Amino acid sequence: MRMTALFVLAFVVSNQAAAQIIAIHFKKESTARKYKKYVVDVNGEYVLAGEIRRGGGIRFDPGAGITYRGKKTNEIMVANPGDPLDVPYELDGERRVRLSKRSVIAIEGPLIRRISVLMRDQTLAGLAHEYALRLEKIDSVRAKRDRFDVTTNDWFEQHRRLLAAYEGLHTWLAETLYRRAAKKVEKTILKELRRIKDDALRERARKAKESVRTSAVPEGLAAASRALSEGRHQFGAQESQHCRIIYLKGPLKDAAVKRLLELAETIIEGFRRNSSIPTWAMTRSTTRFRTTRSSSSGSAPPTTRATRGTGTISMAGRWTGRTMTVASRWRVPAPGSHAA
């Protein structure tokens, strides 16, 4: 029901003459700081973003542009940078009705340097609708992921898709009006990264080690042993998720072979963690990650490092053409630690 209401609200408002998002630029930065809960950063300048309130002093004319009252108050229906779904109005027919006094801010004309169009043909209701669609996609991917066992490749693939969807949401929020909401998504991304490091990988390693079991000795080997040794030599076989050992009983004890298979699974898991870095870990958005590469040699180690949020992902590798062979580390700090 809420999705339908948002769609109807976005459609009706987008067909009104004032269907655009504006930005109020202040003469002094100190004035902007008074509205720190609502200001957004646009090209390094803090502005108030929102929609024109009819009868509030600000007017838009396709020919003359935006005009406002230079000596009196001017009202704007502001966006909430922390929540795109917090639309400051509802519709009564085609008339927008404010939901509370907090949804409208009055600015004295002498404090305003200029008013610009920030998003032409867009509304706060339209942005809320797109945000709701993105959340719906994330919920769908998460539901699909959770149908798989956490140790399977299918789970890891869907988890990669989930992280990609979150990264897309983060970029969209940061590039529109909602950087405060984007910071919340950063925390969710880091939480999901830790889940791979702490939960999924630990569970995958545990299941691999517990997969050791006795298996059947190949019939041809058993028959040859009986014929050549008259039954004196007997063979055993054990296997795990990725390995199999066939051994001569006596020199090798069953318990020793089991420990060898557990060691093999530990080595394989270590290799997978260090060498099989997920694609998304190397292709983060530029808002959080910086990649540097030396131009002096094709084998120079590039480094990718997360410098914001509460976690760090560091990688170094060797470039061959357009591919990078990862050869070092992937680290996500434990909860409570902070990036350098």
C-alpha atoms as a PDB file:
ATOM      1  CA  MET A   1       0.000   0.000   0.000  1.00  0.00           C
ATOM      2  CA  ARG A   2       2.806   2.421   0.846  1.00  0.00           C
ATOM      3  CA  MET A   3       4.530   1.717  -2.496  1.00  0.00           C
ATOM      4  CA  THR A   4       1.292   2.405  -4.376  1.00  0.00           C
ATOM      5  CA  ALA A   5       0.723   5.619  -2.430  1.00  0.00           C
ATOM      6  CA  LEU A   6       4.258   6.804  -3.199  1.00  0.00           C
ATOM      7  CA  PHE A   7       3.788   6.069  -6.903  1.00  0.00           C
ATOM      8  CA  VAL A   8       0.520   8.002  -7.078  1.00  0.00           C
ATOM      9  CA  LEU A   9       2.035  10.877  -5.102  1.00  0.00           C
ATOM     10  CA  ALA A  10       5.097  11.006  -7.366  1.00  0.00           C
ATOM     11  CA  PHE A  11       2.981  10.882 -10.549  1.00  0.00           C
ATOM     12  CA  VAL A  12       0.566  13.626  -9.527  1.00  0.00           C
ATOM     13  CA  VAL A  13       3.219  15.976  -8.145  1.00  0.00           C
ATOM     14  CA  SER A  14       5.464  15.513 -11.186  1.00  0.00           C
ATOM     15  CA  ASN A  15       2.672  16.851 -13.374  1.00  0.00           C
ATOM     16  CA  GLN A  16       2.372  20.113 -11.437  1.00  0.00           C
ATOM     17  CA  ALA A  17       3.999  23.342 -12.640  1.00  0.00           C
ATOM     18  CA  ALA A  18       6.319  23.486  -9.628  1.00  0.00           C
ATOM     19  CA  ALA A  19       7.520  19.906 -10.064  1.00  0.00           C
ATOM     20  CA  GLN A  20      11.175  20.526  -9.343  1.00  0.00           C
ATOM     21  CA  ILE A  21      13.621  20.534  -6.469  1.00  0.00           C
ATOM     22  CA  ILE A  22      15.290  23.842  -5.667  1.00  0.00           C
ATOM     23  CA  ALA A  23      18.277  24.886  -3.546  1.00  0.00           C
ATOM     24  CA  ILE A  24      18.491  27.983  -1.358  1.00  0.00           C
ATOM     25  CA  HIS A  25      22.047  29.388  -1.223  1.00  0.00           C
ATOM     26  CA  PHE A  26      22.916  31.546   1.767  1.00  0.00           C
ATOM     27  CA  LYS A  27      25.059  34.644   1.863  1.00  0.00           C
ATOM     28  CA  LYS A  28      26.867  33.407   4.974  1.00  0.00           C
ATOM     29  CA  GLU A  29      27.908  29.887   5.922  1.00  0.00           C
ATOM     30  CA  SER A  30      26.957  30.645   9.522  1.00  0.00           C
ATOM     31  CA  THR A  31      23.316  30.924   8.402  1.00  0.00           C
ATOM     32  CA  ALA A  32      23.464  27.471   6.810  1.00  0.00           C
ATOM     33  CA  ARG A  33      24.808  25.994  10.060  1.00  0.00           C
ATOM     34  CA  LYS A  34      21.593  27.043  11.819  1.00  0.00           C
ATOM     35  CA  TYR A  35      19.767  24.495   9.655  1.00  0.00           C
ATOM     36  CA  LYS A  36      22.369  21.707   9.970  1.00  0.00           C
ATOM     37  CA  LYS A  37      19.657  19.053  10.297  1.00  0.00           C
ATOM     38  CA  TYR A  38      18.351  19.816   6.818  1.00  0.00           C
ATOM     39  CA  VAL A  39      21.208  21.295   4.754  1.00  0.00           C
ATOM     40  CA  VAL A  40      22.840  19.210   2.020  1.00  0.00           C
ATOM     41  CA  ASP A  41      26.288  19.546   0.460  1.00  0.00           C
ATOM     42  CA  VAL A  42      26.128  20.644  -3.186  1.00  0.00           C
ATOM     43  CA  ASN A  43      29.542  21.158  -4.786  1.00  0.00           C
ATOM     44  CA  GLY A  44      31.082  22.021  -1.431  1.00  0.00           C
ATOM     45  CA  GLU A  45      28.334  24.452  -0.418  1.00  0.00           C
ATOM     46  CA  TYR A  46      25.662  23.795   2.187  1.00  0.00           C
ATOM     47  CA  VAL A  47      22.194  24.608   0.883  1.00  0.00           C
ATOM     48  CA  LEU A  48      18.589  23.952   1.819  1.00  0.00           C
ATOM     49  CA  ALA A  49      16.975  21.625  -0.718  1.00  0.00           C
ATOM     50  CA  GLY A  50      13.288  20.992  -1.223  1.00  0.00           C
ATOM     51  CA  GLU A  51      10.221  22.070  -3.148  1.00  0.00           C
ATOM     52  CA  ILE A  52       8.524  25.420  -3.564  1.00  0.00           C
ATOM     53  CA  ARG A  53       5.606  25.923  -1.227  1.00  0.00           C
ATOM     54  CA  ARG A  54       2.740  27.555  -3.069  1.00  0.00           C
ATOM     55  CA  GLY A  55       2.082  31.021  -1.624  1.00  0.00           C
ATOM     56  CA  GLY A  56       5.337  30.936   0.324  1.00  0.00           C
ATOM     57  CA  GLY A  57       7.076  33.733  -1.551  1.00  0.00           C
ATOM     58  CA  ILE A  58       9.183  31.667  -3.953  1.00  0.00           C
ATOM     59  CA  ARG A  59       7.893  31.426  -7.498  1.00  0.00           C
ATOM     60  CA  PHE A  60       9.076  29.765 -10.676  1.00  0.00           C
ATOM     61  CA  ASP A  61       8.344  31.099 -14.142  1.00  0.00           C
ATOM     62  CA  PRO A  62       9.644  29.175 -17.197  1.00  0.00           C
ATOM     63  CA  GLY A  63      10.640  32.461 -18.790  1.00  0.00           C
ATOM     64  CA  ALA A  64      11.890  34.491 -15.852  1.00  0.00           C
ATOM     65  CA  GLY A  65      13.235  31.637 -13.721  1.00  0.00           C
ATOM     66  CA  ILE A  66      13.013  31.673  -9.917  1.00  0.00           C
ATOM     67  CA  THR A  67      12.012  34.804  -8.009  1.00  0.00           C
ATOM     68  CA  TYR A  68      11.652  35.346  -4.273  1.00  0.00           C
ATOM     69  CA  ARG A  69      10.839  38.075  -1.783  1.00  0.00           C
ATOM     70  CA  GLY A  70      14.027  39.958  -1.062  1.00  0.00           C
ATOM     71  CA  LYS A  71      12.846  41.639   2.128  1.00  0.00           C
ATOM     72  CA  LYS A  72      10.273  39.181   3.466  1.00  0.00           C
ATOM     73  CA  THR A  73      10.186  35.511   4.432  1.00  0.00           C
ATOM     74  CA  ASN A  74      10.302  32.732   1.837  1.00  0.00           C
ATOM     75  CA  GLU A  75       9.139  29.194   2.551  1.00  0.00           C
ATOM     76  CA  ILE A  76      10.497  25.869   1.280  1.00  0.00           C
ATOM     77  CA  MET A  77       9.220  22.329   1.873  1.00  0.00           C
ATOM     78  CA  VAL A  78      12.507  20.738   2.856  1.00  0.00           C
ATOM     79  CA  ALA A  79      13.953  17.305   2.199  1.00  0.00           C
ATOM     80  CA  ASN A  80      15.100  15.130   5.104  1.00  0.00           C
ATOM     81  CA  PRO A  81      18.733  14.146   4.298  1.00  0.00           C
ATOM     82  CA  GLY A  82      18.457  11.177   6.631  1.00  0.00           C
ATOM     83  CA  ASP A  83      15.305   9.565   5.213  1.00  0.00           C
ATOM     84  CA  PRO A  84      14.114   9.770   1.582  1.00  0.00           C
ATOM     85  CA  LEU A  85      10.727   8.338   2.593  1.00  0.00           C
ATOM     86  CA  ASP A  86      10.073  11.342   4.828  1.00  0.00           C
ATOM     87  CA  VAL A  87       8.127  13.331   2.221  1.00  0.00           C
ATOM     88  CA  PRO A  88       7.075  16.685   3.790  1.00  0.00           C
ATOM     89  CA  TYR A  89       3.600  16.779   2.230  1.00  0.00           C
ATOM     90  CA  GLU A  90       0.587  14.749   1.212  1.00  0.00           C
ATOM     91  CA  LEU A  91      -1.904  15.384  -1.560  1.00  0.00           C
ATOM     92  CA  ASP A  92      -5.422  16.744  -1.294  1.00  0.00           C
ATOM     93  CA  GLY A  93      -6.524  16.361  -4.884  1.00  0.00           C
ATOM     94  CA  GLU A  94      -3.699  18.138  -6.724  1.00  0.00           C
ATOM     95  CA  ARG A  95      -2.874  20.405  -3.796  1.00  0.00           C
ATOM     96  CA  ARG A  96       0.104  19.591  -1.613  1.00  0.00           C
ATOM     97  CA  VAL A  97      -0.597  19.811   2.109  1.00  0.00           C
ATOM     98  CA  ARG A  98       2.275  20.001   4.565  1.00  0.00           C
ATOM     99  CA  LEU A  99       2.339  17.273   7.173  1.00  0.00           C
ATOM    100  CA  SER A 100       3.846  19.284  10.044  1.00  0.00           C
ATOM    101  CA  LYS A 101       5.384  22.642  10.859  1.00  0.00           C
ATOM    102  CA  ARG A 102       8.828  21.039  10.760  1.00  0.00           C
ATOM    103  CA  SER A 103       8.387  20.186   7.067  1.00  0.00           C
ATOM    104  CA  VAL A 104       8.418  23.879   6.068  1.00  0.00           C
ATOM    105  CA  ILE A 105      11.267  26.295   6.775  1.00  0.00           C
ATOM    106  CA  ALA A 106      10.904  30.068   6.425  1.00  0.00           C
ATOM    107  CA  ILE A 107      14.010  32.018   5.375  1.00  0.00           C
ATOM    108  CA  GLU A 108      14.311  35.799   5.520  1.00  0.00           C
ATOM    109  CA  GLY A 109      15.006  37.299   2.096  1.00  0.00           C
ATOM    110  CA  PRO A 110      18.112  39.294   3.129  1.00  0.00           C
ATOM    111  CA  LEU A 111      19.834  36.017   4.172  1.00  0.00           C
ATOM    112  CA  ILE A 112      19.466  34.462   0.696  1.00  0.00           C
ATOM    113  CA  ARG A 113      22.238  34.847  -1.883  1.00  0.00           C
ATOM    114  CA  ARG A 114      20.348  33.090  -4.662  1.00  0.00           C
ATOM    115  CA  ILE A 115      17.924  30.228  -5.375  1.00  0.00           C
ATOM    116  CA  SER A 116      18.729  27.663  -8.052  1.00  0.00           C
ATOM    117  CA  VAL A 117      17.007  24.683  -9.639  1.00  0.00           C
ATOM    118  CA  LEU A 118      18.707  21.582  -8.280  1.00  0.00           C
ATOM    119  CA  MET A 119      16.665  18.860 -10.006  1.00  0.00           C
ATOM    120  CA  ARG A 120      14.370  19.904 -12.828  1.00  0.00           C
ATOM    121  CA  ASP A 121      11.279  17.707 -13.352  1.00  0.00           C
ATOM    122  CA  GLN A 122      11.912  15.834 -10.099  1.00  0.00           C
ATOM    123  CA  THR A 123      10.096  15.858  -6.760  1.00  0.00           C
ATOM    124  CA  LEU A 124      10.721  14.630  -3.247  1.00  0.00           C
ATOM    125  CA  ALA A 125       7.877  12.169  -3.747  1.00  0.00           C
ATOM    126  CA  GLY A 126       9.560  10.916  -6.928  1.00  0.00           C
ATOM    127  CA  LEU A 127      12.845  10.373  -5.096  1.00  0.00           C
ATOM    128  CA  ALA A 128      10.988   8.564  -2.316  1.00  0.00           C
ATOM    129  CA  HIS A 129       9.401   6.261  -4.893  1.00  0.00           C
ATOM    130  CA  GLU A 130      12.778   5.394  -6.446  1.00  0.00           C
ATOM    131  CA  TYR A 131      14.252   4.783  -2.999  1.00  0.00           C
ATOM    132  CA  ALA A 132      11.390   2.417  -2.155  1.00  0.00           C
ATOM    133  CA  LEU A 133      12.015   0.496  -5.397  1.00  0.00           C
ATOM    134  CA  ARG A 134      15.695   0.110  -4.525  1.00  0.00           C
ATOM    135  CA  LEU A 135      14.825  -1.184  -1.057  1.00  0.00           C
ATOM    136  CA  GLU A 136      12.394  -3.643  -2.622  1.00  0.00           C
ATOM    137  CA  LYS A 137      15.171  -4.956  -4.893  1.00  0.00           C
ATOM    138  CA  ILE A 138      17.517  -5.374  -1.915  1.00  0.00           C
ATOM    139  CA  ASP A 139      14.863  -7.312   0.014  1.00  0.00           C
ATOM    140  CA  SER A 140      14.321  -9.569  -3.015  1.00  0.00           C
ATOM    141  CA  VAL A 141      18.039 -10.357  -3.367  1.00  0.00           C
ATOM    142  CA  ARG A 142      18.383 -10.990   0.370  1.00  0.00           C
ATOM    143  CA  ALA A 143      15.417 -13.383   0.332  1.00  0.00           C
ATOM    144  CA  LYS A 144      16.945 -15.283  -2.605  1.00  0.00           C
ATOM    145  CA  ARG A 145      20.325 -15.473  -0.857  1.00  0.00           C
ATOM    146  CA  ASP A 146      18.822 -16.786   2.366  1.00  0.00           C
ATOM    147  CA  ARG A 147      17.312 -19.764   0.535  1.00  0.00           C
ATOM    148  CA  PHE A 148      20.842 -21.195   0.152  1.00  0.00           C
ATOM    149  CA  ASP A 149      23.142 -22.706   2.738  1.00  0.00           C
ATOM    150  CA  VAL A 150      25.618 -20.101   3.988  1.00  0.00           C
ATOM    151  CA  THR A 151      28.591 -22.274   2.979  1.00  0.00           C
ATOM    152  CA  THR A 152      27.629 -22.761  -0.671  1.00  0.00           C
ATOM    153  CA  ASN A 153      28.868 -20.914  -3.744  1.00  0.00           C
ATOM    154  CA  ASP A 154      25.254 -19.979  -4.521  1.00  0.00           C
ATOM    155  CA  TRP A 155      24.983 -18.150  -1.186  1.00  0.00           C
ATOM    156  CA  PHE A 156      28.235 -16.288  -1.821  1.00  0.00           C
ATOM    157  CA  GLU A 157      27.102 -15.298  -5.318  1.00  0.00           C
ATOM    158  CA  GLN A 158      23.790 -13.900  -4.044  1.00  0.00           C
ATOM    159  CA  HIS A 159      25.614 -12.173  -1.196  1.00  0.00           C
ATOM    160  CA  ARG A 160      27.828 -10.494  -3.794  1.00  0.00           C
ATOM    161  CA  ARG A 161      24.676  -9.326  -5.595  1.00  0.00           C
ATOM    162  CA  LEU A 162      23.280  -8.015  -2.314  1.00  0.00           C
ATOM    163  CA  LEU A 163      26.429  -6.001  -1.648  1.00  0.00           C
ATOM    164  CA  ALA A 164      26.323  -4.626  -5.201  1.00  0.00           C
ATOM    165  CA  ALA A 165      22.720  -3.514  -4.652  1.00  0.00           C
ATOM    166  CA  TYR A 166      23.663  -1.836  -1.375  1.00  0.00           C
ATOM    167  CA  GLU A 167      26.604  -0.117  -3.075  1.00  0.00           C
ATOM    168  CA  GLY A 168      24.296   1.156  -5.811  1.00  0.00           C
ATOM    169  CA  LEU A 169      21.895   2.478  -3.166  1.00  0.00           C
ATOM    170  CA  HIS A 170      24.773   4.156  -1.336  1.00  0.00           C
ATOM    171  CA  THR A 171      25.942   5.911  -4.511  1.00  0.00           C
ATOM    172  CA  TRP A 172      22.414   7.043  -5.378  1.00  0.00           C
ATOM    173  CA  LEU A 173      21.812   8.462  -1.901  1.00  0.00           C
ATOM    174  CA  ALA A 174      25.144  10.284  -1.825  1.00  0.00           C
ATOM    175  CA  GLU A 175      24.609  11.817  -5.268  1.00  0.00           C
ATOM    176  CA  THR A 176      21.075  13.080  -4.612  1.00  0.00           C
ATOM    177  CA  LEU A 177      20.036  14.758  -1.338  1.00  0.00           C
ATOM    178  CA  TYR A 178      20.543  12.029   1.220  1.00  0.00           C
ATOM    179  CA  ARG A 179      24.156  11.779   2.351  1.00  0.00           C
ATOM    180  CA  ARG A 180      23.087  11.224   5.952  1.00  0.00           C
ATOM    181  CA  ALA A 181      21.083   8.210   4.841  1.00  0.00           C
ATOM    182  CA  ALA A 182      24.107   7.092   2.776  1.00  0.00           C
ATOM    183  CA  LYS A 183      26.201   6.940   5.952  1.00  0.00           C
ATOM    184  CA  LYS A 184      23.690   4.500   7.430  1.00  0.00           C
ATOM    185  CA  VAL A 185      24.045   2.305   4.344  1.00  0.00           C
ATOM    186  CA  GLU A 186      27.850   2.383   4.776  1.00  0.00           C
ATOM    187  CA  LYS A 187      27.418   0.770   8.177  1.00  0.00           C
ATOM    188  CA  THR A 188      25.175  -1.914   6.655  1.00  0.00           C
ATOM    189  CA  ILE A 189      27.751  -2.658   3.938  1.00  0.00           C
ATOM    190  CA  LEU A 190      30.520  -3.061   6.519  1.00  0.00           C
ATOM    191  CA  LYS A 191      28.265  -5.320   8.572  1.00  0.00           C
ATOM    192  CA  GLU A 192      27.628  -7.532   5.549  1.00  0.00           C
ATOM    193  CA  LEU A 193      31.375  -7.595   4.786  1.00  0.00           C
ATOM    194  CA  ARG A 194      32.055  -8.785   8.311  1.00  0.00           C
ATOM    195  CA  ARG A 195      29.450 -11.481   7.848  1.00  0.00           C
ATOM    196  CA  ILE A 196      31.532 -12.952   5.038  1.00  0.00           C
ATOM    197  CA  LYS A 197      34.682 -12.700   7.109  1.00  0.00           C
ATOM    198  CA  ASP A 198      33.361 -13.827  10.437  1.00  0.00           C
ATOM    199  CA  ASP A 199      30.264 -15.978   9.900  1.00  0.00           C
ATOM    200  CA  ALA A 200      30.058 -17.434   6.395  1.00  0.00           C
ATOM    201  CA  LEU A 201      33.762 -18.216   6.026  1.00  0.00           C
ATOM    202  CA  ARG A 202      34.010 -19.713   9.508  1.00  0.00           C
ATOM    203  CA  GLU A 203      30.975 -21.904   8.852  1.00  0.00           C
ATOM    204  CA  ARG A 204      32.345 -22.958   5.446  1.00  0.00           C
ATOM    205  CA  ALA A 205      35.679 -23.962   7.020  1.00  0.00           C
ATOM    206  CA  ARG A 206      33.931 -25.885   9.798  1.00  0.00           C
ATOM    207  CA  LYS A 207      31.761 -27.881   7.399  1.00  0.00           C
ATOM    208  CA  ALA A 208      34.751 -28.695   5.198  1.00  0.00           C
ATOM    209  CA  LYS A 209      36.727 -30.074   8.142  1.00  0.00           C
ATOM    210  CA  GLU A 210      33.738 -32.039   9.417  1.00  0.00           C
ATOM    211  CA  SER A 211      33.191 -33.583   5.994  1.00  0.00           C
ATOM    212  CA  VAL A 212      35.969 -36.170   6.552  1.00  0.00           C
ATOM    213  CA  ARG A 213      34.542 -39.689   6.221  1.00  0.00           C
ATOM    214  CA  THR A 214      35.479 -43.249   5.317  1.00  0.00           C
ATOM    215  CA  SER A 215      35.026 -44.147   1.660  1.00  0.00           C
ATOM    216  CA  ALA A 216      35.202 -47.306  -0.402  1.00  0.00           C
ATOM    217  CA  VAL A 217      38.543 -48.606  -1.639  1.00  0.00           C
ATOM    218  CA  PRO A 218      38.521 -48.988  -5.443  1.00  0.00           C
ATOM    219  CA  GLU A 219      37.616 -52.592  -6.263  1.00  0.00           C
ATOM    220  CA  GLY A 220      40.519 -52.978  -8.685  1.00  0.00           C
ATOM    221  CA  LEU A 221      43.050 -52.016  -6.012  1.00  0.00           C
ATOM    222  CA  ALA A 222      41.494 -54.334  -3.430  1.00  0.00           C
ATOM    223  CA  ALA A 223      41.490 -57.243  -5.898  1.00  0.00           C
ATOM    224  CA  ALA A 224      45.123 -56.638  -6.893  1.00  0.00           C
ATOM    225  CA  SER A 225      46.182 -56.473  -3.249  1.00  0.00           C
ATOM    226  CA  ARG A 226      44.509 -59.790  -2.479  1.00  0.00           C
ATOM    227  CA  ALA A 227      46.121 -61.455  -5.477  1.00  0.00           C
ATOM    228  CA  LEU A 228      49.644 -60.116  -4.947  1.00  0.00           C
ATOM    229  CA  SER A 229      49.924 -60.143  -1.152  1.00  0.00           C
ATOM    230  CA  GLU A 230      47.580 -63.025  -0.431  1.00  0.00           C
ATOM    231  CA  GLY A 231      45.550 -60.690   1.780  1.00  0.00           C
ATOM    232  CA  ARG A 232      48.450 -59.490   3.897  1.00  0.00           C
ATOM    233  CA  HIS A 233      48.181 -55.916   2.643  1.00  0.00           C
ATOM    234  CA  GLN A 234      44.961 -54.029   3.145  1.00  0.00           C
ATOM    235  CA  PHE A 235      44.113 -50.558   1.951  1.00  0.00           C
ATOM    236  CA  GLY A 236      41.823 -47.912   3.413  1.00  0.00           C
ATOM    237  CA  ALA A 237      40.246 -44.796   1.934  1.00  0.00           C
ATOM    238  CA  GLN A 238      38.995 -41.559   3.444  1.00  0.00           C
ATOM    239  CA  GLU A 239      37.714 -38.417   1.753  1.00  0.00           C
ATOM    240  CA  SER A 240      36.631 -34.899   2.623  1.00  0.00           C
ATOM    241  CA  GLN A 241      34.860 -32.176   0.695  1.00  0.00           C
ATOM    242  CA  HIS A 242      37.828 -31.519  -1.603  1.00  0.00           C
ATOM    243  CA  CYS A 243      40.355 -34.346  -1.028  1.00  0.00           C
ATOM    244  CA  ARG A 244      40.676 -38.109  -0.994  1.00  0.00           C
ATOM    245  CA  ILE A 245      43.450 -40.321   0.436  1.00  0.00           C
ATOM    246  CA  ILE A 246      43.907 -44.032  -0.328  1.00  0.00           C
ATOM    247  CA  TYR A 247      46.514 -45.535   1.968  1.00  0.00           C
ATOM    248  CA  LEU A 248      48.123 -48.791   3.067  1.00  0.00           C
ATOM    249  CA  LYS A 249      46.850 -49.735   6.481  1.00  0.00           C
ATOM    250  CA  GLY A 250      49.514 -50.346   9.080  1.00  0.00           C
ATOM    251  CA  PRO A 251      52.118 -47.691   8.209  1.00  0.00           C
ATOM    252  CA  LEU A 252      49.341 -45.090   8.302  1.00  0.00           C
ATOM    253  CA  LYS A 253      46.710 -45.100  11.012  1.00  0.00           C
ATOM    254  CA  ASP A 254      43.108 -44.070  10.298  1.00  0.00           C
ATOM    255  CA  ALA A 255      43.313 -41.230  12.830  1.00  0.00           C
ATOM    256  CA  ALA A 256      46.470 -39.850  11.178  1.00  0.00           C
ATOM    257  CA  VAL A 257      44.813 -39.853   7.750  1.00  0.00           C
ATOM    258  CA  LYS A 258      41.815 -38.019   9.183  1.00  0.00           C
ATOM    259  CA  ARG A 259      44.125 -35.331  10.585  1.00  0.00           C
ATOM    260  CA  LEU A 260      45.844 -35.046   7.185  1.00  0.00           C
ATOM    261  CA  LEU A 261      42.502 -34.453   5.474  1.00  0.00           C
ATOM    262  CA  GLU A 262      41.528 -31.831   8.064  1.00  0.00           C
ATOM    263  CA  LEU A 263      44.890 -30.127   7.464  1.00  0.00           C
ATOM    264  CA  ALA A 264      44.283 -30.226   3.701  1.00  0.00           C
ATOM    265  CA  GLU A 265      40.892 -28.556   4.122  1.00  0.00           C
ATOM    266  CA  THR A 266      42.475 -25.879   6.327  1.00  0.00           C
ATOM    267  CA  ILE A 267      45.099 -25.156   3.648  1.00  0.00           C
ATOM    268  CA  ILE A 268      42.466 -25.008   0.899  1.00  0.00           C
ATOM    269  CA  GLU A 269      40.296 -22.647   2.939  1.00  0.00           C
ATOM    270  CA  GLY A 270      43.285 -20.370   3.547  1.00  0.00           C
ATOM    271  CA  PHE A 271      44.028 -20.308  -0.167  1.00  0.00           C
ATOM    272  CA  ARG A 272      40.413 -19.510  -1.010  1.00  0.00           C
ATOM    273  CA  ARG A 273      40.325 -16.630   1.463  1.00  0.00           C
ATOM    274  CA  ASN A 274      43.599 -15.108   0.275  1.00  0.00           C
ATOM    275  CA  SER A 275      43.238 -15.656  -3.459  1.00  0.00           C
ATOM    276  CA  SER A 276      39.535 -15.744  -4.260  1.00  0.00           C
ATOM    277  CA  ILE A 277      38.691 -12.120  -3.439  1.00  0.00           C
ATOM    278  CA  PRO A 278      35.112 -11.351  -4.542  1.00  0.00           C
ATOM    279  CA  THR A 279      34.808  -9.003  -7.516  1.00  0.00           C
ATOM    280  CA  TRP A 280      32.901  -6.372  -5.548  1.00  0.00           C
ATOM    281  CA  ALA A 281      35.826  -6.032  -3.129  1.00  0.00           C
ATOM    282  CA  MET A 282      37.946  -4.671  -5.997  1.00  0.00           C
ATOM    283  CA  THR A 283      35.310  -2.414  -7.577  1.00  0.00           C
ATOM    284  CA  ARG A 284      34.008  -0.181  -4.825  1.00  0.00           C
ATOM    285  CA  SER A 285      32.568   3.271  -5.519  1.00  0.00           C
ATOM    286  CA  THR A 286      34.942   6.225  -5.564  1.00  0.00           C
ATOM    287  CA  THR A 287      33.083   7.786  -2.638  1.00  0.00           C
ATOM    288  CA  ARG A 288      34.776   5.319  -0.276  1.00  0.00           C
ATOM    289  CA  PHE A 289      37.695   3.749  -2.110  1.00  0.00           C
ATOM    290  CA  ARG A 290      40.787   5.054  -3.849  1.00  0.00           C
ATOM    291  CA  THR A 291      42.904   2.999  -6.285  1.00  0.00           C
ATOM    292  CA  THR A 292      46.497   3.912  -7.160  1.00  0.00           C
ATOM    293  CA  ARG A 293      48.705   2.281  -9.750  1.00  0.00           C
ATOM    294  CA  SER A 294      52.349   2.955 -10.637  1.00  0.00           C
ATOM    295  CA  SER A 295      52.905   3.751 -14.324  1.00  0.00           C
ATOM    296  CA  SER A 296      56.559   2.735 -14.344  1.00  0.00           C
ATOM    297  CA  SER A 297      56.035  -1.003 -14.629  1.00  0.00           C
ATOM    298  CA  GLY A 298      53.289  -3.379 -15.649  1.00  0.00           C
ATOM    299  CA  SER A 299      53.933  -5.455 -12.537  1.00  0.00           C
ATOM    300  CA  ALA A 300      53.689  -2.583 -10.065  1.00  0.00           C
ATOM    301  CA  PRO A 301      51.388  -3.513  -7.146  1.00  0.00           C
ATOM    302  CA  PRO A 302      48.205  -1.431  -7.107  1.00  0.00           C
ATOM    303  CA  THR A 303      46.560  -0.837  -3.765  1.00  0.00           C
ATOM    304  CA  THR A 304      42.866  -0.405  -2.990  1.00  0.00           C
ATOM    305  CA  ARG A 305      41.989   0.902   0.445  1.00  0.00           C
ATOM    306  CA  ALA A 306      38.764   1.881   2.157  1.00  0.00           C
ATOM    307  CA  THR A 307      39.364   5.162   3.947  1.00  0.00           C
ATOM    308  CA  ARG A 308      35.913   5.955   5.345  1.00  0.00           C
ATOM    309  CA  GLY A 309      33.472   4.204   7.627  1.00  0.00           C
ATOM    310  CA  THR A 310      34.606   1.831  10.357  1.00  0.00           C
ATOM    311  CA  GLY A 311      36.441  -0.805   8.360  1.00  0.00           C
ATOM    312  CA  THR A 312      39.418  -1.316   6.104  1.00  0.00           C
ATOM    313  CA  ILE A 313      39.811  -3.504   3.043  1.00  0.00           C
ATOM    314  CA  SER A 314      43.339  -3.584   1.647  1.00  0.00           C
ATOM    315  CA  MET A 315      44.570  -5.514  -1.370  1.00  0.00           C
ATOM    316  CA  ALA A 316      47.708  -5.549  -3.480  1.00  0.00           C
ATOM    317  CA  GLY A 317      48.454  -7.546  -6.581  1.00  0.00           C
ATOM    318  CA  ARG A 318      50.114  -7.857  -9.965  1.00  0.00           C
ATOM    319  CA  TRP A 319      48.649  -6.338 -13.096  1.00  0.00           C
ATOM    320  CA  THR A 320      48.719  -8.245 -16.364  1.00  0.00           C
ATOM    321  CA  GLY A 321      46.924  -6.283 -19.024  1.00  0.00           C
ATOM    322  CA  ARG A 322      43.485  -5.497 -17.630  1.00  0.00           C
ATOM    323  CA  THR A 323      43.432  -8.080 -14.850  1.00  0.00           C
ATOM    324  CA  MET A 324      44.841  -7.998 -11.356  1.00  0.00           C
ATOM    325  CA  THR A 325      46.159 -11.099  -9.626  1.00  0.00           C
ATOM    326  CA  VAL A 326      45.567 -10.611  -5.922  1.00  0.00           C
ATOM    327  CA  ALA A 327      48.493 -11.749  -3.836  1.00  0.00           C
ATOM    328  CA  SER A 328      48.266 -10.206  -0.429  1.00  0.00           C
ATOM    329  CA  ARG A 329      45.600  -9.491   2.136  1.00  0.00           C
ATOM    330  CA  TRP A 330      41.951  -8.790   2.723  1.00  0.00           C
ATOM    331  CA  ARG A 331      41.190  -7.469   6.192  1.00  0.00           C
ATOM    332  CA  VAL A 332      37.930  -6.416   7.795  1.00  0.00           C
ATOM    333  CA  PRO A 333      38.451  -5.288  11.402  1.00  0.00           C
ATOM    334  CA  ALA A 334      36.512  -6.741  14.258  1.00  0.00           C
ATOM    335  CA  PRO A 335      33.542  -4.746  15.586  1.00  0.00           C
ATOM    336  CA  GLY A 336      34.649  -1.722  17.588  1.00  0.00           C
ATOM    337  CA  SER A 337      37.815  -1.051  15.593  1.00  0.00           C
ATOM    338  CA  HIS A 338      38.223   1.924  13.243  1.00  0.00           C
ATOM    339  CA  ALA A 339      39.881   2.615   9.938  1.00  0.00           C
ATOM    340  CA  ALA A 340      43.123   4.555   9.917  1.00  0.00           C
END
